[in-house]
């Protein structure tokens, strides 16, 4: 019995000692894990990226406006009442085709008066010419003096001048009479009719832009070709000359691409918008393209592949200017100043201070310091720093 009690006591002591030892070992293991995790979390986890070679081309999408190849507002050149019109909105017309006629009673009266004055001038000139010829026949005889002959000759010349004035006056009114017929200036489509039968119209005069309050009667557009105007920002204007053209996309059908060729650019920037007016041409217009249509103009501009690019979010903007956080072999941060080139949308060109193959901190925190030790991580799709390299633990 005493031996059994001693054996049981020894077993109990061994069990207690084992439990105590296990507790110490488990606690030491947990402390070691906590120390390792604390050390890991003390080092900033960062997403690491590499600069990439520049793309061969970059896409530039800008709003544009479609215009007709030729577009002319047609004003009345005589004052009067619209007698009738013959073509309405959307009508296809030929050059010289009649669009409307105007009744101009005042012009008709002036034309008739001018023709009457012409007949009077013709009669006076014939009389003056005959009289001057008779006096010249008597020149050198005692019947007439030289002065009287000169007076009659001068009177005939003045009558001839009056005749020429009357002829020009009649020609002017004859030309105005033709303007009672409003005709199309070229082949095209009637895009506006802003008059009606019985409307009174004023003569617009000959100065463009000074129509004395007159309103255009029609607007005719030549749409066998179309012009597209787009304002290109200053940063992209230099590459337009080497761009072969652009594609147009309608908001109603964005998947459909319409080819357009580069025609010209203004070679000057608007001081307010810092953009240059650029003109494209569509040789064979699509039926969906009408003058005045809004389109999205997509250019494919060439770029220099030798200039590295990087995401914009990898930039650091401080008092020293734009910088990047470059990692060395020991994963320590070195802040380096860079010179930026063109903005390509989500990426930006770096013209100096960076080369392809270096490691950069993507989206660096504001408190990142020179020489700071960081821990590269592998990002998960849709998340920033997510998984430690090789650890597999978020």
Protein backbone atom coordinates (compact mmCIF):
# COMPACT_ATOMS: atom_id res chain seq x y z
CA UNK A 1 0.00 0.00 0.00
CA UNK A 2 2.65 2.58 0.86
CA UNK A 3 4.42 1.73 -2.41
CA UNK A 4 1.25 2.30 -4.39
CA UNK A 5 0.68 5.66 -2.71
CA UNK A 6 4.24 6.70 -3.44
CA UNK A 7 3.86 5.67 -7.10
CA UNK A 8 0.62 7.61 -7.43
CA UNK A 9 2.20 10.64 -5.83
CA UNK A 10 5.17 10.43 -8.20
CA UNK A 11 2.86 10.14 -11.23
CA UNK A 12 0.86 13.12 -10.00
CA UNK A 13 4.02 15.16 -9.54
CA UNK A 14 5.19 14.26 -13.04
CA UNK A 15 1.82 15.26 -14.52
CA UNK A 16 1.82 18.58 -12.70
CA UNK A 17 5.40 19.25 -13.78
CA UNK A 18 4.48 18.35 -17.37
CA UNK A 19 1.49 20.70 -17.30
CA UNK A 20 3.60 23.49 -15.88
CA UNK A 21 6.30 22.91 -18.48
CA UNK A 22 3.69 22.82 -21.28
CA UNK A 23 2.22 26.09 -20.02
CA UNK A 24 5.62 27.74 -20.02
CA UNK A 25 6.43 26.45 -23.50
CA UNK A 26 3.02 27.49 -24.91
CA UNK A 27 3.38 30.93 -23.41
CA UNK A 28 6.89 31.29 -24.82
CA UNK A 29 5.62 30.23 -28.25
CA UNK A 30 2.79 32.75 -28.12
CA UNK A 31 5.19 35.48 -27.02
CA UNK A 32 7.49 34.58 -29.88
CA UNK A 33 4.59 34.78 -32.35
CA UNK A 34 3.46 38.08 -30.90
CA UNK A 35 7.01 39.44 -31.13
CA UNK A 36 7.26 38.32 -34.77
CA UNK A 37 3.86 39.80 -35.66
CA UNK A 38 4.75 43.04 -33.87
CA UNK A 39 8.00 43.23 -35.79
CA UNK A 40 6.16 42.58 -39.07
CA UNK A 41 3.57 45.24 -38.34
CA UNK A 42 6.23 47.70 -37.28
CA UNK A 43 7.50 47.62 -40.90
CA UNK A 44 5.19 49.44 -43.32
CA UNK A 45 3.67 47.10 -45.97
CA UNK A 46 3.79 48.62 -49.45
CA UNK A 47 2.69 47.68 -52.95
CA UNK A 48 5.70 47.63 -55.28
CA UNK A 49 5.48 48.41 -59.01
CA UNK A 50 7.94 48.82 -61.88
CA UNK A 51 8.06 51.65 -64.44
CA UNK A 52 6.99 50.48 -67.87
CA UNK A 53 8.09 51.49 -71.38
CA UNK A 54 5.84 54.10 -72.95
CA UNK A 55 3.03 52.97 -75.26
CA UNK A 56 3.40 53.30 -79.03
CA UNK A 57 0.28 55.47 -79.17
CA UNK A 58 -2.04 57.14 -76.72
CA UNK A 59 -5.76 57.71 -77.06
CA UNK A 60 -7.23 61.18 -76.78
CA UNK A 61 -11.03 61.58 -76.76
CA UNK A 62 -12.48 65.07 -77.17
CA UNK A 63 -15.91 66.54 -77.98
CA UNK A 64 -16.41 67.74 -81.53
CA UNK A 65 -19.04 69.41 -83.69
CA UNK A 66 -19.99 68.42 -87.23
CA UNK A 67 -20.40 71.19 -89.80
CA UNK A 68 -21.33 71.19 -93.47
CA UNK A 69 -18.60 71.49 -96.08
CA UNK A 70 -20.23 74.76 -97.21
CA UNK A 71 -23.06 76.46 -95.38
CA UNK A 72 -24.61 79.75 -96.50
CA UNK A 73 -27.37 81.84 -94.95
CA UNK A 74 -29.39 83.42 -97.76
CA UNK A 75 -30.68 86.96 -97.23
CA UNK A 76 -32.93 89.05 -99.41
CA UNK A 77 -31.13 91.65 -101.52
CA UNK A 78 -34.33 93.63 -102.26
CA UNK A 79 -37.03 94.85 -99.91
CA UNK A 80 -40.54 93.60 -100.46
CA UNK A 81 -43.04 90.86 -99.70
CA UNK A 82 -42.45 87.14 -100.17
CA UNK A 83 -44.69 86.11 -103.05
CA UNK A 84 -44.04 82.36 -102.73
CA UNK A 85 -41.45 79.84 -101.60
CA UNK A 86 -40.71 76.56 -103.35
CA UNK A 87 -38.35 74.50 -101.16
CA UNK A 88 -38.77 73.52 -97.53
CA UNK A 89 -36.59 71.98 -94.79
CA UNK A 90 -34.52 69.03 -95.97
CA UNK A 91 -35.06 69.65 -99.68
CA UNK A 92 -32.17 68.72 -101.96
CA UNK A 93 -31.45 71.63 -104.32
CA UNK A 94 -29.11 72.39 -107.20
CA UNK A 95 -27.07 75.54 -107.79
CA UNK A 96 -29.34 78.24 -109.23
CA UNK A 97 -32.56 76.44 -108.25
CA UNK A 98 -35.41 78.81 -107.33
CA UNK A 99 -36.15 78.94 -103.62
CA UNK A 100 -38.55 81.89 -103.38
CA UNK A 101 -39.80 84.99 -105.20
CA UNK A 102 -40.26 88.48 -103.78
CA UNK A 103 -42.74 91.17 -104.83
CA UNK A 104 -40.96 94.55 -104.79
CA UNK A 105 -43.34 97.28 -106.10
CA UNK A 106 -41.01 100.11 -105.09
CA UNK A 107 -38.13 98.53 -106.95
CA UNK A 108 -40.31 98.00 -110.02
CA UNK A 109 -41.27 101.69 -109.97
CA UNK A 110 -37.65 102.79 -109.60
CA UNK A 111 -36.67 100.49 -112.47
CA UNK A 112 -39.35 101.96 -114.72
CA UNK A 113 -38.28 105.51 -113.80
CA UNK A 114 -34.66 104.67 -114.55
CA UNK A 115 -35.58 103.35 -117.99
CA UNK A 116 -37.58 106.52 -118.69
CA UNK A 117 -34.64 108.68 -117.64
CA UNK A 118 -32.46 106.62 -119.95
CA UNK A 119 -34.72 107.40 -122.89
CA UNK A 120 -34.61 111.12 -122.04
CA UNK A 121 -30.82 110.98 -121.79
CA UNK A 122 -30.61 109.20 -125.15
CA UNK A 123 -32.77 111.88 -126.82
CA UNK A 124 -30.78 114.75 -125.30
CA UNK A 125 -27.53 113.14 -126.33
CA UNK A 126 -28.69 112.68 -129.91
CA UNK A 127 -29.78 116.33 -130.07
CA UNK A 128 -26.55 117.59 -128.49
CA UNK A 129 -24.46 115.43 -130.80
CA UNK A 130 -26.29 116.70 -133.91
CA UNK A 131 -26.05 120.32 -132.78
CA UNK A 132 -22.35 119.99 -132.01
CA UNK A 133 -21.74 118.50 -135.46
CA UNK A 134 -23.51 121.45 -137.15
CA UNK A 135 -21.55 124.02 -135.17
CA UNK A 136 -18.30 122.22 -135.93
CA UNK A 137 -19.18 122.36 -139.65
CA UNK A 138 -19.44 126.16 -139.37
CA UNK A 139 -16.17 126.48 -137.45
CA UNK A 140 -13.71 128.85 -139.13
CA UNK A 141 -16.43 130.93 -140.83
CA UNK A 142 -17.62 134.38 -139.82
CA UNK A 143 -21.02 132.84 -138.85
CA UNK A 144 -19.84 131.38 -135.53
CA UNK A 145 -17.09 132.00 -133.04
CA UNK A 146 -14.65 129.39 -131.81
CA UNK A 147 -16.02 129.71 -128.30
CA UNK A 148 -19.56 128.88 -129.42
CA UNK A 149 -18.27 125.76 -131.21
CA UNK A 150 -16.43 124.64 -128.05
CA UNK A 151 -19.56 125.20 -125.92
CA UNK A 152 -21.70 123.03 -128.21
CA UNK A 153 -19.00 120.29 -128.31
CA UNK A 154 -18.75 120.30 -124.52
CA UNK A 155 -22.55 120.14 -124.26
CA UNK A 156 -22.54 117.01 -126.43
CA UNK A 157 -19.87 115.42 -124.22
CA UNK A 158 -21.87 116.24 -121.08
CA UNK A 159 -25.00 114.74 -122.63
CA UNK A 160 -23.03 111.59 -123.41
CA UNK A 161 -21.86 111.39 -119.80
CA UNK A 162 -25.47 111.82 -118.60
CA UNK A 163 -26.45 108.99 -120.96
CA UNK A 164 -23.78 106.72 -119.48
CA UNK A 165 -25.00 107.52 -115.96
CA UNK A 166 -28.56 106.67 -116.98
CA UNK A 167 -27.39 103.40 -118.57
CA UNK A 168 -25.55 102.39 -115.39
CA UNK A 169 -28.61 103.27 -113.31
CA UNK A 170 -30.80 101.05 -115.47
CA UNK A 171 -28.21 98.23 -115.26
CA UNK A 172 -28.18 98.52 -111.48
CA UNK A 173 -31.95 98.26 -111.21
CA UNK A 174 -31.93 95.39 -113.70
CA UNK A 175 -29.49 93.53 -111.47
CA UNK A 176 -31.69 94.18 -108.44
CA UNK A 177 -34.71 92.89 -110.36
CA UNK A 178 -32.94 89.54 -110.67
CA UNK A 179 -32.68 89.39 -106.88
CA UNK A 180 -36.46 89.12 -106.71
CA UNK A 181 -35.72 85.49 -107.45
CA UNK A 182 -33.99 83.87 -104.46
CA UNK A 183 -31.88 80.95 -105.71
CA UNK A 184 -29.59 78.32 -104.18
CA UNK A 185 -25.89 79.31 -104.34
CA UNK A 186 -24.66 75.71 -104.71
CA UNK A 187 -25.80 72.09 -104.64
CA UNK A 188 -26.92 71.11 -101.17
CA UNK A 189 -29.74 70.70 -98.70
CA UNK A 190 -32.07 73.35 -97.30
CA UNK A 191 -31.39 73.26 -93.57
CA UNK A 192 -33.61 76.23 -92.63
CA UNK A 193 -36.57 78.15 -94.04
CA UNK A 194 -37.23 81.24 -91.94
CA UNK A 195 -39.83 83.02 -94.03
CA UNK A 196 -43.36 82.53 -95.31
CA UNK A 197 -45.73 83.88 -97.95
CA UNK A 198 -46.58 87.52 -97.28
CA UNK A 199 -43.64 88.17 -94.97
CA UNK A 200 -41.96 91.53 -95.45
CA UNK A 201 -38.21 91.29 -95.92
CA UNK A 202 -35.51 93.95 -95.85
CA UNK A 203 -32.59 94.15 -98.23
CA UNK A 204 -29.56 92.84 -96.37
CA UNK A 205 -27.02 94.97 -98.19
CA UNK A 206 -23.60 93.91 -99.39
CA UNK A 207 -21.61 93.85 -96.12
CA UNK A 208 -21.29 90.46 -94.50
CA UNK A 209 -22.46 90.54 -90.90
CA UNK A 210 -24.21 93.91 -91.31
CA UNK A 211 -27.75 92.98 -92.32
CA UNK A 212 -29.56 95.99 -90.83
CA UNK A 213 -31.83 93.81 -88.74
CA UNK A 214 -32.81 91.60 -91.67
CA UNK A 215 -33.40 87.89 -91.17
CA UNK A 216 -32.12 85.14 -93.41
CA UNK A 217 -34.72 83.53 -95.63
CA UNK A 218 -33.05 80.15 -96.10
CA UNK A 219 -29.92 78.30 -95.10
CA UNK A 220 -28.37 75.89 -97.59
CA UNK A 221 -25.64 73.38 -96.68
CA UNK A 222 -23.39 71.35 -98.94
CA UNK A 223 -23.06 67.97 -97.21
CA UNK A 224 -21.25 65.93 -99.85
CA UNK A 225 -18.36 66.22 -97.38
CA UNK A 226 -18.44 67.23 -93.73
CA UNK A 227 -16.09 69.18 -91.51
CA UNK A 228 -15.54 68.29 -87.85
CA UNK A 229 -14.23 70.97 -85.50
CA UNK A 230 -12.60 70.03 -82.20
CA UNK A 231 -10.65 72.08 -79.63
CA UNK A 232 -7.40 70.25 -78.83
CA UNK A 233 -5.59 71.12 -75.56
CA UNK A 234 -2.14 72.64 -75.76
CA UNK A 235 -0.40 69.52 -74.33
CA UNK A 236 -1.60 67.37 -77.24
CA UNK A 237 -1.54 69.80 -80.16
CA UNK A 238 2.09 69.03 -81.09
CA UNK A 239 1.23 65.45 -82.08
CA UNK A 240 -1.66 66.32 -84.39
CA UNK A 241 0.50 66.78 -87.49
CA UNK A 242 1.70 63.16 -87.36
CA UNK A 243 -1.73 61.74 -86.53
CA UNK A 244 -3.24 60.02 -89.60
CA UNK A 245 -6.76 60.94 -88.54
CA UNK A 246 -9.40 60.14 -85.98
CA UNK A 247 -12.56 58.16 -85.44
CA UNK A 248 -15.93 59.68 -84.61
CA UNK A 249 -18.44 58.13 -82.22
CA UNK A 250 -22.06 59.16 -81.83
CA UNK A 251 -23.58 59.18 -78.33
CA UNK A 252 -26.53 57.22 -79.70
CA UNK A 253 -24.25 54.46 -81.06
CA UNK A 254 -20.85 54.59 -79.29
CA UNK A 255 -19.72 51.24 -80.75
CA UNK A 256 -19.91 52.55 -84.32
CA UNK A 257 -16.71 54.22 -85.55
CA UNK A 258 -16.73 56.72 -88.43
CA UNK A 259 -13.39 57.53 -90.05
CA UNK A 260 -12.27 61.15 -90.34
CA UNK A 261 -9.08 62.60 -91.83
CA UNK A 262 -6.97 65.36 -90.35
CA UNK A 263 -7.34 68.51 -92.46
CA UNK A 264 -5.72 71.42 -90.65
CA UNK A 265 -5.23 73.15 -87.33
CA UNK A 266 -5.33 76.81 -86.41
CA UNK A 267 -1.64 76.84 -85.34
CA UNK A 268 -2.61 79.21 -82.54
CA UNK A 269 -4.10 78.73 -79.08
CA UNK A 270 -7.12 80.43 -77.65
CA UNK A 271 -5.85 82.59 -74.79
CA UNK A 272 -8.85 81.70 -72.60
CA UNK A 273 -9.03 77.92 -73.10
CA UNK A 274 -5.45 77.14 -74.24
CA UNK A 275 -6.82 74.99 -77.02
CA UNK A 276 -6.24 74.98 -80.77
CA UNK A 277 -9.12 74.65 -83.22
CA UNK A 278 -8.53 71.52 -85.29
CA UNK A 279 -10.45 70.62 -88.43
CA UNK A 280 -11.16 67.10 -89.66
CA UNK A 281 -13.00 66.01 -92.80
CA UNK A 282 -15.35 63.11 -93.46
CA UNK A 283 -15.20 62.29 -97.18
CA UNK A 284 -18.21 59.98 -97.38
CA UNK A 285 -20.63 61.16 -94.71
CA UNK A 286 -22.71 58.59 -92.90
CA UNK A 287 -26.46 59.17 -93.05
CA UNK A 288 -26.43 59.56 -89.26
CA UNK A 289 -24.07 62.54 -89.46
CA UNK A 290 -25.88 65.84 -89.87
CA UNK A 291 -24.51 69.37 -89.60
CA UNK A 292 -24.55 70.40 -85.95
CA UNK A 293 -24.17 66.83 -84.64
CA UNK A 294 -22.19 66.35 -81.41
CA UNK A 295 -19.58 63.61 -81.72
CA UNK A 296 -16.75 62.19 -79.64
CA UNK A 297 -13.50 62.51 -81.58
CA UNK A 298 -10.88 59.87 -80.73
CA UNK A 299 -7.28 60.51 -81.78
CA UNK A 300 -4.47 57.94 -81.72
CA UNK A 301 -1.39 60.07 -81.07
CA UNK A 302 2.15 58.59 -81.33
CA UNK A 303 4.39 58.59 -78.25
CA UNK A 304 8.07 57.93 -77.53
CA UNK A 305 8.42 54.37 -76.19
CA UNK A 306 11.86 55.24 -74.81
CA UNK A 307 10.31 57.42 -72.10
CA UNK A 308 9.20 55.30 -69.09
CA UNK A 309 5.73 55.66 -67.66
CA UNK A 310 4.32 55.12 -64.19
CA UNK A 311 0.90 55.38 -62.50
CA UNK A 312 -0.01 58.82 -61.26
CA UNK A 313 -0.75 57.51 -57.75
CA UNK A 314 2.94 56.60 -57.30
CA UNK A 315 3.92 60.28 -57.26
CA UNK A 316 4.77 62.22 -54.11
CA UNK A 317 4.20 65.98 -54.18
CA UNK A 318 6.12 67.89 -51.55
CA UNK A 319 8.12 71.11 -51.30
CA UNK A 320 10.93 69.54 -53.36
CA UNK A 321 8.55 68.98 -56.28
CA UNK A 322 7.37 65.67 -57.75
CA UNK A 323 9.19 62.67 -56.27
CA UNK A 324 8.99 58.88 -56.28
CA UNK A 325 9.85 56.36 -53.56
CA UNK A 326 12.49 53.97 -54.98
CA UNK A 327 13.36 50.74 -53.10
CA UNK A 328 16.91 49.41 -52.86
CA UNK A 329 17.93 45.76 -52.44
CA UNK A 330 17.33 45.97 -48.64
CA UNK A 331 13.79 47.35 -49.17
CA UNK A 332 14.71 50.76 -47.88
CA UNK A 333 13.05 53.86 -49.31
CA UNK A 334 14.97 56.52 -51.23
CA UNK A 335 13.03 59.60 -52.27
CA UNK A 336 14.06 60.74 -55.74
CA UNK A 337 13.01 63.84 -57.66
CA UNK A 338 11.71 63.24 -61.18
CA UNK A 339 10.76 65.34 -64.19
CA UNK A 340 7.31 64.63 -65.59
CA UNK A 341 6.37 64.54 -69.25
CA UNK A 342 2.95 64.17 -70.83
CA UNK A 343 -0.04 62.98 -68.89
CA UNK A 344 -1.41 59.85 -70.59
CA UNK A 345 -4.55 59.53 -68.50
CA UNK A 346 -3.96 57.05 -65.67
CA UNK A 347 -0.21 57.07 -66.28
CA UNK A 348 2.35 59.83 -66.72
CA UNK A 349 5.65 60.00 -68.59
CA UNK A 350 8.87 60.48 -66.57
CA UNK A 351 11.47 62.20 -68.73
CA UNK A 352 14.30 62.08 -66.17
CA UNK A 353 15.08 60.59 -62.75
CA UNK A 354 13.71 57.10 -63.38
CA UNK A 355 14.45 54.05 -65.53
CA UNK A 356 12.60 50.91 -66.47
CA UNK A 357 13.23 48.03 -64.04
CA UNK A 358 13.46 50.02 -60.80
CA UNK A 359 11.09 49.25 -57.95
CA UNK A 360 8.69 51.96 -56.83
CA UNK A 361 6.25 52.25 -53.96
CA UNK A 362 2.76 52.49 -55.37
CA UNK A 363 0.43 54.95 -53.67
CA UNK A 364 3.00 55.92 -50.98
CA UNK A 365 1.66 57.24 -47.66
CA UNK A 366 2.14 60.90 -46.79
CA UNK A 367 4.49 60.11 -43.88
CA UNK A 368 6.95 57.96 -45.84
CA UNK A 369 10.52 58.93 -44.92
CA UNK A 370 13.92 58.68 -46.59
CA UNK A 371 15.70 55.44 -45.59
CA UNK A 372 12.59 53.90 -44.02
CA UNK A 373 12.42 50.09 -44.10
CA UNK A 374 9.28 48.78 -45.80
CA UNK A 375 7.79 45.37 -46.51
CA UNK A 376 6.74 44.61 -50.11
CA UNK A 377 3.39 42.88 -50.41
CA UNK A 378 1.46 41.28 -53.24
CA UNK A 379 -1.84 43.10 -53.75
CA UNK A 380 -5.08 41.24 -54.22
CA UNK A 381 -7.36 42.26 -57.06
CA UNK A 382 -9.46 45.19 -55.95
CA UNK A 383 -7.49 45.84 -52.74
CA UNK A 384 -4.32 47.66 -51.79
CA UNK A 385 -1.75 46.01 -49.74
CA UNK A 386 -3.27 42.66 -49.13
CA UNK A 387 -0.97 39.71 -48.80
CA UNK A 388 2.59 39.42 -47.50
CA UNK A 389 4.99 37.94 -50.08
CA UNK A 390 5.30 34.22 -49.43
CA UNK A 391 3.32 34.31 -46.17
CA UNK A 392 -0.17 33.94 -47.55
CA UNK A 393 -1.64 35.79 -44.58
CA UNK A 394 -3.67 38.99 -45.19
